[in-house]
Amino acid sequence: MGLMAASKAFFKLLFNKELSESFQQLVDGRLQPKLESKPAKPVRKSEPKPKRSDAISLLSALQREARFLDIVSESLGDYSDAQVGAAARDVLRDSGKVIERMFSLRPLTEVEDGASIETPSNFDPAEYRLTGNVSGDGPFSGNVAHHGWKATKCDVPQWSGNKKTEMIVAPIEVEIA
C-alpha cells in the first residue's frame, strides 16, 4: 500500500465512526473481510480449549508420584507415631523429587541458619521477611531464621484434557482381578 493510500485510509478511519468500528472488529478477528471475488465462507468458532490451573497439575503429580493427598487427608489419630513416620518418609522423599523436577529449588542465601546477615537498605519484602523488633529504615541486621527458597525454573507439565476433567486431581483407581 502506498503512502497516499495509507494516508487516505487513516483519515477515513479517523473521521468515520462506523468504518472505524468495523475495522476494529476486523483487527480483533470478530469480523471476516468480505472479498468481492469469492463468496464468504461461514466462520466456525471452535470452543476454547479448557485451561487447567497449574496448581491442580502440581497436586495431581504429588498425588500420582508420592501419594501426598492420601497422607494429608488421612485421619492420623488411629496410627502410632512410628507408623506415621514410616509412611511420611516415603511421601516426603517422593514429594521432594516432584518439587525438584518441576521447580529446582535453591536457597536464597548461602548464609547458615542462625548466622548474622544484613539486608540491603532498599530490600525487596519478597526476598526478606523481617520478624522481631523491627523499627526504622534499613539496612537491618539480624540472624537468619530461615534461608528462604527460590525456584530456578517452573516446569509444570501441560495438561491435555477436557472441561469435564480439568478439576480432577487423581482418577479413581480400579484394580482388575
N, C-alpha and C. Protein backbone atom coordinates (compact mmCIF):
# COMPACT_ATOMS: atom_id res chain seq x y z
N MET A 1 0.87 -1.16 0.00
CA MET A 1 0.00 0.00 0.00
C MET A 1 0.91 1.22 0.00
N GLY A 2 0.63 2.14 -0.86
CA GLY A 2 1.43 3.35 -0.95
C GLY A 2 1.13 4.31 0.18
N LEU A 3 2.00 5.27 0.33
CA LEU A 3 1.86 6.26 1.38
C LEU A 3 0.56 7.05 1.23
N MET A 4 0.21 7.39 -0.01
CA MET A 4 -1.01 8.16 -0.25
C MET A 4 -2.25 7.35 0.14
N ALA A 5 -2.27 6.06 -0.26
CA ALA A 5 -3.42 5.22 0.08
C ALA A 5 -3.52 5.02 1.59
N ALA A 6 -2.37 4.84 2.26
CA ALA A 6 -2.36 4.67 3.71
C ALA A 6 -2.87 5.93 4.40
N SER A 7 -2.49 7.09 3.90
CA SER A 7 -2.96 8.36 4.47
C SER A 7 -4.46 8.50 4.33
N LYS A 8 -4.98 8.16 3.15
CA LYS A 8 -6.43 8.23 2.92
C LYS A 8 -7.17 7.29 3.87
N ALA A 9 -6.65 6.06 4.01
CA ALA A 9 -7.28 5.09 4.92
C ALA A 9 -7.27 5.60 6.34
N PHE A 10 -6.15 6.18 6.79
CA PHE A 10 -6.02 6.71 8.14
C PHE A 10 -7.10 7.76 8.41
N PHE A 11 -7.25 8.75 7.49
CA PHE A 11 -8.21 9.82 7.73
C PHE A 11 -9.65 9.33 7.62
N LYS A 12 -9.92 8.35 6.75
CA LYS A 12 -11.28 7.79 6.69
C LYS A 12 -11.63 7.10 8.01
N LEU A 13 -10.66 6.34 8.57
CA LEU A 13 -10.90 5.67 9.85
C LEU A 13 -11.02 6.68 10.99
N LEU A 14 -10.26 7.74 10.91
CA LEU A 14 -10.26 8.74 11.96
C LEU A 14 -11.59 9.48 12.05
N PHE A 15 -12.20 9.77 10.88
CA PHE A 15 -13.40 10.60 10.89
C PHE A 15 -14.70 9.84 10.61
N ASN A 16 -14.65 8.53 10.40
CA ASN A 16 -15.85 7.75 10.12
C ASN A 16 -15.99 6.69 11.23
N LYS A 17 -16.86 6.97 12.20
CA LYS A 17 -17.01 6.10 13.37
C LYS A 17 -17.43 4.69 12.99
N GLU A 18 -18.40 4.54 12.08
CA GLU A 18 -18.90 3.22 11.68
C GLU A 18 -17.78 2.41 10.99
N LEU A 19 -17.05 3.06 10.11
CA LEU A 19 -15.94 2.41 9.43
C LEU A 19 -14.84 2.02 10.43
N SER A 20 -14.57 2.91 11.38
CA SER A 20 -13.56 2.66 12.41
C SER A 20 -13.94 1.46 13.28
N GLU A 21 -15.23 1.35 13.66
CA GLU A 21 -15.68 0.22 14.47
C GLU A 21 -15.60 -1.09 13.69
N SER A 22 -15.96 -1.05 12.40
CA SER A 22 -15.84 -2.25 11.57
C SER A 22 -14.39 -2.68 11.43
N PHE A 23 -13.51 -1.71 11.25
CA PHE A 23 -12.08 -2.01 11.13
C PHE A 23 -11.57 -2.63 12.43
N GLN A 24 -11.99 -2.12 13.59
CA GLN A 24 -11.56 -2.67 14.88
C GLN A 24 -12.04 -4.11 15.04
N GLN A 25 -13.27 -4.40 14.59
CA GLN A 25 -13.78 -5.77 14.64
C GLN A 25 -12.96 -6.68 13.74
N LEU A 26 -12.56 -6.16 12.59
CA LEU A 26 -11.73 -6.93 11.67
C LEU A 26 -10.37 -7.23 12.29
N VAL A 27 -9.76 -6.24 12.93
CA VAL A 27 -8.46 -6.41 13.58
C VAL A 27 -8.55 -7.39 14.74
N ASP A 28 -9.65 -7.34 15.49
CA ASP A 28 -9.85 -8.24 16.64
C ASP A 28 -10.24 -9.65 16.23
N GLY A 29 -10.51 -9.87 14.95
CA GLY A 29 -10.90 -11.19 14.48
C GLY A 29 -12.38 -11.49 14.65
N ARG A 30 -13.17 -10.48 14.99
CA ARG A 30 -14.60 -10.68 15.17
C ARG A 30 -15.37 -10.48 13.86
N LEU A 31 -14.69 -10.06 12.81
CA LEU A 31 -15.33 -9.79 11.53
C LEU A 31 -14.40 -10.30 10.44
N GLN A 32 -14.96 -11.05 9.51
CA GLN A 32 -14.17 -11.56 8.38
C GLN A 32 -14.26 -10.56 7.23
N PRO A 33 -13.15 -10.31 6.54
CA PRO A 33 -13.22 -9.37 5.41
C PRO A 33 -14.09 -9.96 4.30
N LYS A 34 -14.82 -9.11 3.65
CA LYS A 34 -15.65 -9.54 2.52
C LYS A 34 -14.84 -9.35 1.26
N LEU A 35 -14.53 -10.44 0.62
CA LEU A 35 -13.78 -10.39 -0.63
C LEU A 35 -14.79 -10.42 -1.77
N GLU A 36 -14.68 -9.48 -2.69
CA GLU A 36 -15.65 -9.37 -3.77
C GLU A 36 -15.57 -10.54 -4.74
N SER A 37 -14.38 -11.08 -4.95
CA SER A 37 -14.22 -12.13 -5.94
C SER A 37 -14.63 -13.51 -5.43
N LYS A 38 -14.70 -13.69 -4.14
CA LYS A 38 -15.04 -15.00 -3.58
C LYS A 38 -16.21 -14.86 -2.62
N PRO A 39 -17.13 -15.82 -2.65
CA PRO A 39 -18.22 -15.77 -1.65
C PRO A 39 -17.64 -16.04 -0.26
N ALA A 40 -18.17 -15.35 0.73
CA ALA A 40 -17.68 -15.52 2.11
C ALA A 40 -18.07 -16.88 2.64
N LYS A 41 -17.12 -17.54 3.31
CA LYS A 41 -17.40 -18.83 3.94
C LYS A 41 -17.87 -18.59 5.35
N PRO A 42 -18.80 -19.41 5.83
CA PRO A 42 -19.22 -19.23 7.22
C PRO A 42 -18.05 -19.51 8.16
N VAL A 43 -17.94 -18.70 9.18
CA VAL A 43 -16.86 -18.84 10.14
C VAL A 43 -17.31 -19.75 11.27
N ARG A 44 -16.53 -20.80 11.50
CA ARG A 44 -16.84 -21.72 12.60
C ARG A 44 -16.01 -21.32 13.80
N LYS A 45 -16.70 -21.05 14.87
CA LYS A 45 -15.98 -20.72 16.10
C LYS A 45 -15.80 -21.99 16.90
N SER A 46 -14.55 -22.34 17.14
CA SER A 46 -14.30 -23.51 17.96
C SER A 46 -14.31 -23.10 19.42
N GLU A 47 -14.75 -24.02 20.25
CA GLU A 47 -14.77 -23.71 21.67
C GLU A 47 -13.35 -23.62 22.19
N PRO A 48 -13.09 -22.67 23.08
CA PRO A 48 -11.74 -22.56 23.59
C PRO A 48 -11.36 -23.81 24.38
N LYS A 49 -10.11 -24.21 24.24
CA LYS A 49 -9.62 -25.37 24.96
C LYS A 49 -9.63 -25.07 26.45
N PRO A 50 -10.15 -25.98 27.27
CA PRO A 50 -10.16 -25.70 28.71
C PRO A 50 -8.75 -25.53 29.24
N LYS A 51 -8.59 -24.61 30.15
CA LYS A 51 -7.28 -24.35 30.76
C LYS A 51 -7.33 -24.83 32.19
N ARG A 52 -6.39 -25.68 32.52
CA ARG A 52 -6.31 -26.22 33.87
C ARG A 52 -5.29 -25.41 34.65
N SER A 53 -5.61 -25.14 35.89
CA SER A 53 -4.68 -24.43 36.77
C SER A 53 -3.43 -25.26 36.99
N ASP A 54 -2.28 -24.59 36.95
CA ASP A 54 -1.02 -25.29 37.25
C ASP A 54 -1.02 -25.86 38.66
N ALA A 55 -1.78 -25.24 39.56
CA ALA A 55 -1.86 -25.76 40.93
C ALA A 55 -2.51 -27.15 40.94
N ILE A 56 -3.53 -27.35 40.13
CA ILE A 56 -4.18 -28.67 40.04
C ILE A 56 -3.21 -29.67 39.44
N SER A 57 -2.45 -29.26 38.42
CA SER A 57 -1.46 -30.16 37.82
C SER A 57 -0.38 -30.55 38.82
N LEU A 58 0.04 -29.60 39.66
CA LEU A 58 1.04 -29.91 40.70
C LEU A 58 0.47 -30.88 41.72
N LEU A 59 -0.76 -30.62 42.20
CA LEU A 59 -1.40 -31.54 43.14
C LEU A 59 -1.53 -32.93 42.53
N SER A 60 -1.88 -32.98 41.27
CA SER A 60 -2.04 -34.26 40.58
C SER A 60 -0.73 -35.04 40.56
N ALA A 61 0.37 -34.36 40.25
CA ALA A 61 1.68 -35.01 40.22
C ALA A 61 2.09 -35.47 41.62
N LEU A 62 1.85 -34.63 42.64
CA LEU A 62 2.19 -35.02 44.02
C LEU A 62 1.40 -36.24 44.47
N GLN A 63 0.14 -36.32 44.07
CA GLN A 63 -0.67 -37.48 44.43
C GLN A 63 -0.22 -38.72 43.65
N ARG A 64 -0.04 -38.56 42.35
CA ARG A 64 0.31 -39.70 41.48
C ARG A 64 1.66 -40.29 41.87
N GLU A 65 2.64 -39.43 42.16
CA GLU A 65 4.00 -39.92 42.37
C GLU A 65 4.39 -40.08 43.83
N ALA A 66 3.65 -39.46 44.74
CA ALA A 66 4.05 -39.51 46.15
C ALA A 66 2.91 -39.84 47.11
N ARG A 67 1.70 -39.95 46.61
CA ARG A 67 0.52 -40.18 47.47
C ARG A 67 0.37 -39.09 48.54
N PHE A 68 0.75 -37.87 48.16
CA PHE A 68 0.74 -36.73 49.06
C PHE A 68 -0.64 -36.46 49.65
N LEU A 69 -1.67 -36.42 48.79
CA LEU A 69 -3.02 -36.10 49.28
C LEU A 69 -3.56 -37.18 50.19
N ASP A 70 -3.18 -38.43 49.93
CA ASP A 70 -3.66 -39.51 50.79
C ASP A 70 -3.19 -39.32 52.23
N ILE A 71 -1.94 -38.94 52.40
CA ILE A 71 -1.43 -38.81 53.78
C ILE A 71 -1.93 -37.54 54.45
N VAL A 72 -2.05 -36.42 53.72
CA VAL A 72 -2.52 -35.20 54.37
C VAL A 72 -4.02 -35.20 54.58
N SER A 73 -4.75 -36.07 53.88
CA SER A 73 -6.21 -36.15 54.06
C SER A 73 -6.61 -37.23 55.06
N GLU A 74 -5.68 -38.09 55.40
CA GLU A 74 -5.95 -39.21 56.31
C GLU A 74 -6.02 -38.71 57.75
N SER A 75 -6.97 -39.27 58.51
CA SER A 75 -7.01 -39.01 59.94
C SER A 75 -5.92 -39.84 60.58
N LEU A 76 -4.93 -39.19 61.15
CA LEU A 76 -3.74 -39.89 61.65
C LEU A 76 -3.87 -40.29 63.12
N GLY A 77 -4.99 -39.97 63.75
CA GLY A 77 -5.16 -40.26 65.17
C GLY A 77 -5.13 -41.73 65.52
N ASP A 78 -5.48 -42.60 64.59
CA ASP A 78 -5.52 -44.03 64.87
C ASP A 78 -4.18 -44.72 64.65
N TYR A 79 -3.17 -43.98 64.25
CA TYR A 79 -1.86 -44.58 63.95
C TYR A 79 -0.83 -44.14 64.99
N SER A 80 0.14 -45.00 65.23
CA SER A 80 1.23 -44.65 66.14
C SER A 80 2.17 -43.67 65.44
N ASP A 81 2.98 -42.98 66.23
CA ASP A 81 3.96 -42.05 65.66
C ASP A 81 4.92 -42.79 64.72
N ALA A 82 5.27 -44.00 65.07
CA ALA A 82 6.18 -44.78 64.22
C ALA A 82 5.53 -45.09 62.87
N GLN A 83 4.23 -45.43 62.88
CA GLN A 83 3.54 -45.71 61.62
C GLN A 83 3.43 -44.46 60.75
N VAL A 84 3.11 -43.32 61.39
CA VAL A 84 3.01 -42.06 60.65
C VAL A 84 4.38 -41.69 60.08
N GLY A 85 5.40 -41.84 60.89
CA GLY A 85 6.75 -41.51 60.44
C GLY A 85 7.20 -42.38 59.28
N ALA A 86 6.89 -43.67 59.34
CA ALA A 86 7.28 -44.58 58.26
C ALA A 86 6.57 -44.21 56.96
N ALA A 87 5.27 -43.90 57.06
CA ALA A 87 4.51 -43.51 55.86
C ALA A 87 5.00 -42.16 55.34
N ALA A 88 5.25 -41.23 56.25
CA ALA A 88 5.67 -39.89 55.85
C ALA A 88 7.04 -39.90 55.17
N ARG A 89 7.91 -40.79 55.56
CA ARG A 89 9.25 -40.85 54.96
C ARG A 89 9.16 -41.02 53.45
N ASP A 90 8.37 -41.99 53.00
CA ASP A 90 8.24 -42.24 51.56
C ASP A 90 7.53 -41.07 50.85
N VAL A 91 6.48 -40.55 51.48
CA VAL A 91 5.72 -39.45 50.88
C VAL A 91 6.61 -38.21 50.75
N LEU A 92 7.36 -37.90 51.80
CA LEU A 92 8.23 -36.72 51.75
C LEU A 92 9.34 -36.89 50.72
N ARG A 93 9.94 -38.06 50.67
CA ARG A 93 11.01 -38.31 49.69
C ARG A 93 10.47 -38.15 48.27
N ASP A 94 9.33 -38.78 47.98
CA ASP A 94 8.78 -38.74 46.63
C ASP A 94 8.22 -37.35 46.28
N SER A 95 7.66 -36.65 47.27
CA SER A 95 7.20 -35.28 47.04
C SER A 95 8.39 -34.38 46.70
N GLY A 96 9.49 -34.58 47.40
CA GLY A 96 10.70 -33.81 47.13
C GLY A 96 11.20 -34.00 45.71
N LYS A 97 11.09 -35.22 45.20
CA LYS A 97 11.50 -35.50 43.82
C LYS A 97 10.63 -34.72 42.82
N VAL A 98 9.32 -34.70 43.08
CA VAL A 98 8.40 -33.97 42.21
C VAL A 98 8.74 -32.48 42.23
N ILE A 99 8.90 -31.92 43.42
CA ILE A 99 9.20 -30.49 43.57
C ILE A 99 10.52 -30.14 42.90
N GLU A 100 11.53 -30.96 43.11
CA GLU A 100 12.84 -30.70 42.50
C GLU A 100 12.75 -30.75 40.97
N ARG A 101 12.05 -31.73 40.43
CA ARG A 101 11.93 -31.86 38.98
C ARG A 101 11.21 -30.66 38.36
N MET A 102 10.15 -30.19 39.02
CA MET A 102 9.35 -29.10 38.44
C MET A 102 9.92 -27.71 38.72
N PHE A 103 10.58 -27.53 39.88
CA PHE A 103 10.96 -26.18 40.29
C PHE A 103 12.46 -25.98 40.55
N SER A 104 13.20 -27.04 40.75
CA SER A 104 14.63 -26.95 41.04
C SER A 104 14.91 -25.85 42.07
N LEU A 105 14.43 -26.07 43.28
CA LEU A 105 14.55 -25.06 44.34
C LEU A 105 15.99 -24.92 44.84
N ARG A 106 16.35 -23.68 45.14
CA ARG A 106 17.66 -23.36 45.70
C ARG A 106 17.47 -22.36 46.84
N PRO A 107 18.35 -22.39 47.85
CA PRO A 107 18.26 -21.39 48.93
C PRO A 107 18.49 -19.98 48.39
N LEU A 108 17.81 -19.00 49.00
CA LEU A 108 18.01 -17.60 48.61
C LEU A 108 19.36 -17.08 49.10
N THR A 109 19.87 -17.65 50.17
CA THR A 109 21.18 -17.24 50.68
C THR A 109 21.95 -18.48 51.10
N GLU A 110 23.26 -18.38 51.01
CA GLU A 110 24.13 -19.47 51.47
C GLU A 110 24.50 -19.28 52.95
N VAL A 111 24.04 -18.18 53.55
CA VAL A 111 24.31 -17.93 54.96
C VAL A 111 23.56 -18.97 55.78
N GLU A 112 24.24 -19.60 56.71
CA GLU A 112 23.66 -20.66 57.54
C GLU A 112 22.60 -20.11 58.49
N ASP A 113 21.60 -20.94 58.81
CA ASP A 113 20.60 -20.55 59.80
C ASP A 113 21.31 -20.23 61.11
N GLY A 114 20.89 -19.13 61.74
CA GLY A 114 21.48 -18.69 63.00
C GLY A 114 22.62 -17.70 62.81
N ALA A 115 23.21 -17.64 61.63
CA ALA A 115 24.32 -16.72 61.36
C ALA A 115 23.80 -15.30 61.14
N SER A 116 24.67 -14.33 61.28
CA SER A 116 24.31 -12.93 61.12
C SER A 116 24.22 -12.56 59.64
N ILE A 117 23.26 -11.67 59.35
CA ILE A 117 23.08 -11.20 57.97
C ILE A 117 22.60 -9.75 58.03
N GLU A 118 22.91 -8.98 56.99
CA GLU A 118 22.43 -7.60 56.88
C GLU A 118 21.67 -7.46 55.58
N THR A 119 20.48 -6.83 55.66
CA THR A 119 19.68 -6.61 54.46
C THR A 119 20.22 -5.38 53.73
N PRO A 120 19.97 -5.28 52.44
CA PRO A 120 20.25 -4.02 51.75
C PRO A 120 19.32 -2.94 52.29
N SER A 121 19.68 -1.68 52.13
CA SER A 121 18.83 -0.61 52.65
C SER A 121 17.48 -0.56 51.93
N ASN A 122 17.47 -0.87 50.66
CA ASN A 122 16.22 -0.84 49.89
C ASN A 122 15.81 -2.27 49.51
N PHE A 123 15.77 -3.17 50.49
CA PHE A 123 15.47 -4.57 50.23
C PHE A 123 14.05 -4.78 49.73
N ASP A 124 13.86 -5.88 49.01
CA ASP A 124 12.55 -6.26 48.50
C ASP A 124 11.86 -7.16 49.53
N PRO A 125 10.66 -6.80 50.01
CA PRO A 125 9.96 -7.63 51.00
C PRO A 125 9.65 -9.04 50.51
N ALA A 126 9.70 -9.27 49.19
CA ALA A 126 9.51 -10.62 48.68
C ALA A 126 10.75 -11.47 48.93
N GLU A 127 11.89 -10.82 49.15
CA GLU A 127 13.15 -11.53 49.37
C GLU A 127 13.51 -11.65 50.85
N TYR A 128 13.12 -10.67 51.65
CA TYR A 128 13.42 -10.67 53.08
C TYR A 128 12.13 -10.47 53.87
N ARG A 129 11.89 -11.32 54.87
CA ARG A 129 10.78 -11.13 55.80
C ARG A 129 11.40 -10.86 57.16
N LEU A 130 11.14 -9.68 57.67
CA LEU A 130 11.72 -9.28 58.96
C LEU A 130 10.75 -9.61 60.08
N THR A 131 11.28 -10.21 61.13
CA THR A 131 10.48 -10.53 62.31
C THR A 131 11.20 -9.99 63.53
N GLY A 132 10.50 -9.94 64.64
CA GLY A 132 11.12 -9.45 65.88
C GLY A 132 10.92 -7.96 66.04
N ASN A 133 11.89 -7.28 66.62
CA ASN A 133 11.81 -5.86 66.93
C ASN A 133 12.26 -5.06 65.70
N VAL A 134 11.34 -4.77 64.80
CA VAL A 134 11.65 -4.08 63.56
C VAL A 134 11.16 -2.63 63.67
N SER A 135 12.06 -1.68 63.52
CA SER A 135 11.66 -0.27 63.50
C SER A 135 12.70 0.52 62.72
N GLY A 136 12.27 1.62 62.17
CA GLY A 136 13.17 2.48 61.41
C GLY A 136 13.35 2.00 59.98
N ASP A 137 14.37 2.55 59.36
CA ASP A 137 14.68 2.24 57.97
C ASP A 137 15.89 1.32 57.89
N GLY A 138 15.96 0.55 56.79
CA GLY A 138 17.08 -0.36 56.57
C GLY A 138 18.35 0.38 56.23
N PRO A 139 19.46 -0.29 56.22
CA PRO A 139 19.58 -1.75 56.31
C PRO A 139 19.35 -2.26 57.72
N PHE A 140 18.94 -3.52 57.81
CA PHE A 140 18.69 -4.17 59.09
C PHE A 140 19.69 -5.31 59.27
N SER A 141 20.10 -5.52 60.51
CA SER A 141 20.98 -6.65 60.83
C SER A 141 20.24 -7.59 61.75
N GLY A 142 20.44 -8.88 61.55
CA GLY A 142 19.80 -9.88 62.39
C GLY A 142 20.37 -11.24 62.09
N ASN A 143 19.74 -12.26 62.64
CA ASN A 143 20.18 -13.64 62.43
C ASN A 143 19.21 -14.35 61.49
N VAL A 144 19.75 -15.17 60.61
CA VAL A 144 18.93 -15.91 59.65
C VAL A 144 18.11 -16.95 60.41
N ALA A 145 16.79 -16.84 60.33
CA ALA A 145 15.90 -17.85 60.92
C ALA A 145 15.57 -18.92 59.88
N HIS A 146 15.58 -18.55 58.61
CA HIS A 146 15.36 -19.48 57.50
C HIS A 146 15.99 -18.89 56.26
N HIS A 147 16.66 -19.71 55.49
CA HIS A 147 17.40 -19.22 54.32
C HIS A 147 16.54 -18.85 53.14
N GLY A 148 15.24 -19.19 53.15
CA GLY A 148 14.36 -18.89 52.04
C GLY A 148 14.57 -19.85 50.88
N TRP A 149 13.67 -19.82 49.92
CA TRP A 149 13.76 -20.68 48.74
C TRP A 149 13.48 -19.87 47.49
N LYS A 150 14.10 -20.29 46.40
CA LYS A 150 13.85 -19.68 45.10
C LYS A 150 13.77 -20.80 44.07
N ALA A 151 12.72 -20.76 43.25
CA ALA A 151 12.61 -21.71 42.15
C ALA A 151 13.51 -21.22 41.02
N THR A 152 14.32 -22.11 40.47
CA THR A 152 15.16 -21.73 39.34
C THR A 152 14.50 -22.07 38.02
N LYS A 153 13.33 -22.73 38.09
CA LYS A 153 12.54 -23.00 36.90
C LYS A 153 11.12 -23.30 37.35
N CYS A 154 10.21 -23.31 36.41
CA CYS A 154 8.83 -23.71 36.67
C CYS A 154 8.40 -24.55 35.48
N ASP A 155 8.45 -25.85 35.67
CA ASP A 155 8.20 -26.78 34.58
C ASP A 155 7.05 -27.71 34.95
N VAL A 156 5.86 -27.12 35.14
CA VAL A 156 4.67 -27.91 35.44
C VAL A 156 4.17 -28.49 34.12
N PRO A 157 3.92 -29.79 34.06
CA PRO A 157 3.50 -30.40 32.80
C PRO A 157 2.23 -29.77 32.24
N GLN A 158 2.19 -29.65 30.92
CA GLN A 158 0.99 -29.14 30.26
C GLN A 158 -0.09 -30.22 30.29
N TRP A 159 -1.26 -29.82 30.66
CA TRP A 159 -2.39 -30.74 30.77
C TRP A 159 -3.13 -30.76 29.44
N SER A 160 -3.59 -31.92 29.04
CA SER A 160 -4.38 -32.01 27.81
C SER A 160 -5.61 -32.86 28.11
N GLY A 161 -6.63 -32.21 28.56
CA GLY A 161 -7.87 -32.91 28.89
C GLY A 161 -9.05 -32.10 28.41
N ASN A 162 -10.21 -32.36 29.00
CA ASN A 162 -11.41 -31.64 28.58
C ASN A 162 -12.03 -30.91 29.77
N LYS A 163 -13.03 -30.11 29.49
CA LYS A 163 -13.68 -29.27 30.51
C LYS A 163 -14.18 -30.11 31.69
N LYS A 164 -14.69 -31.29 31.40
CA LYS A 164 -15.26 -32.14 32.45
C LYS A 164 -14.19 -32.61 33.44
N THR A 165 -12.97 -32.78 32.98
CA THR A 165 -11.92 -33.35 33.85
C THR A 165 -10.87 -32.35 34.31
N GLU A 166 -11.05 -31.06 34.00
CA GLU A 166 -10.00 -30.10 34.32
C GLU A 166 -9.74 -29.95 35.82
N MET A 167 -10.70 -30.29 36.67
CA MET A 167 -10.51 -30.15 38.11
C MET A 167 -10.20 -31.48 38.81
N ILE A 168 -10.09 -32.55 38.05
CA ILE A 168 -9.76 -33.85 38.65
C ILE A 168 -8.28 -33.89 39.00
N VAL A 169 -7.99 -34.15 40.25
CA VAL A 169 -6.61 -34.21 40.72
C VAL A 169 -6.06 -35.62 40.56
N ALA A 170 -6.86 -36.62 40.87
CA ALA A 170 -6.44 -38.01 40.74
C ALA A 170 -7.65 -38.84 40.32
N PRO A 171 -7.47 -39.70 39.33
CA PRO A 171 -8.60 -40.52 38.88
C PRO A 171 -8.94 -41.63 39.89
N ILE A 172 -10.08 -42.22 39.73
CA ILE A 172 -10.46 -43.40 40.50
C ILE A 172 -9.55 -44.53 40.02
N GLU A 173 -8.95 -45.23 40.95
CA GLU A 173 -8.11 -46.35 40.57
C GLU A 173 -8.90 -47.64 40.79
N VAL A 174 -8.95 -48.46 39.77
CA VAL A 174 -9.69 -49.73 39.83
C VAL A 174 -8.72 -50.84 39.51
N GLU A 175 -8.56 -51.74 40.46
CA GLU A 175 -7.70 -52.90 40.23
C GLU A 175 -8.56 -54.06 39.71
N ILE A 176 -8.22 -54.53 38.55
CA ILE A 176 -8.97 -55.61 37.93
C ILE A 176 -8.31 -56.94 38.32
N ALA A 177 -9.12 -57.83 38.86
CA ALA A 177 -8.59 -59.13 39.33
C ALA A 177 -8.52 -60.12 38.20
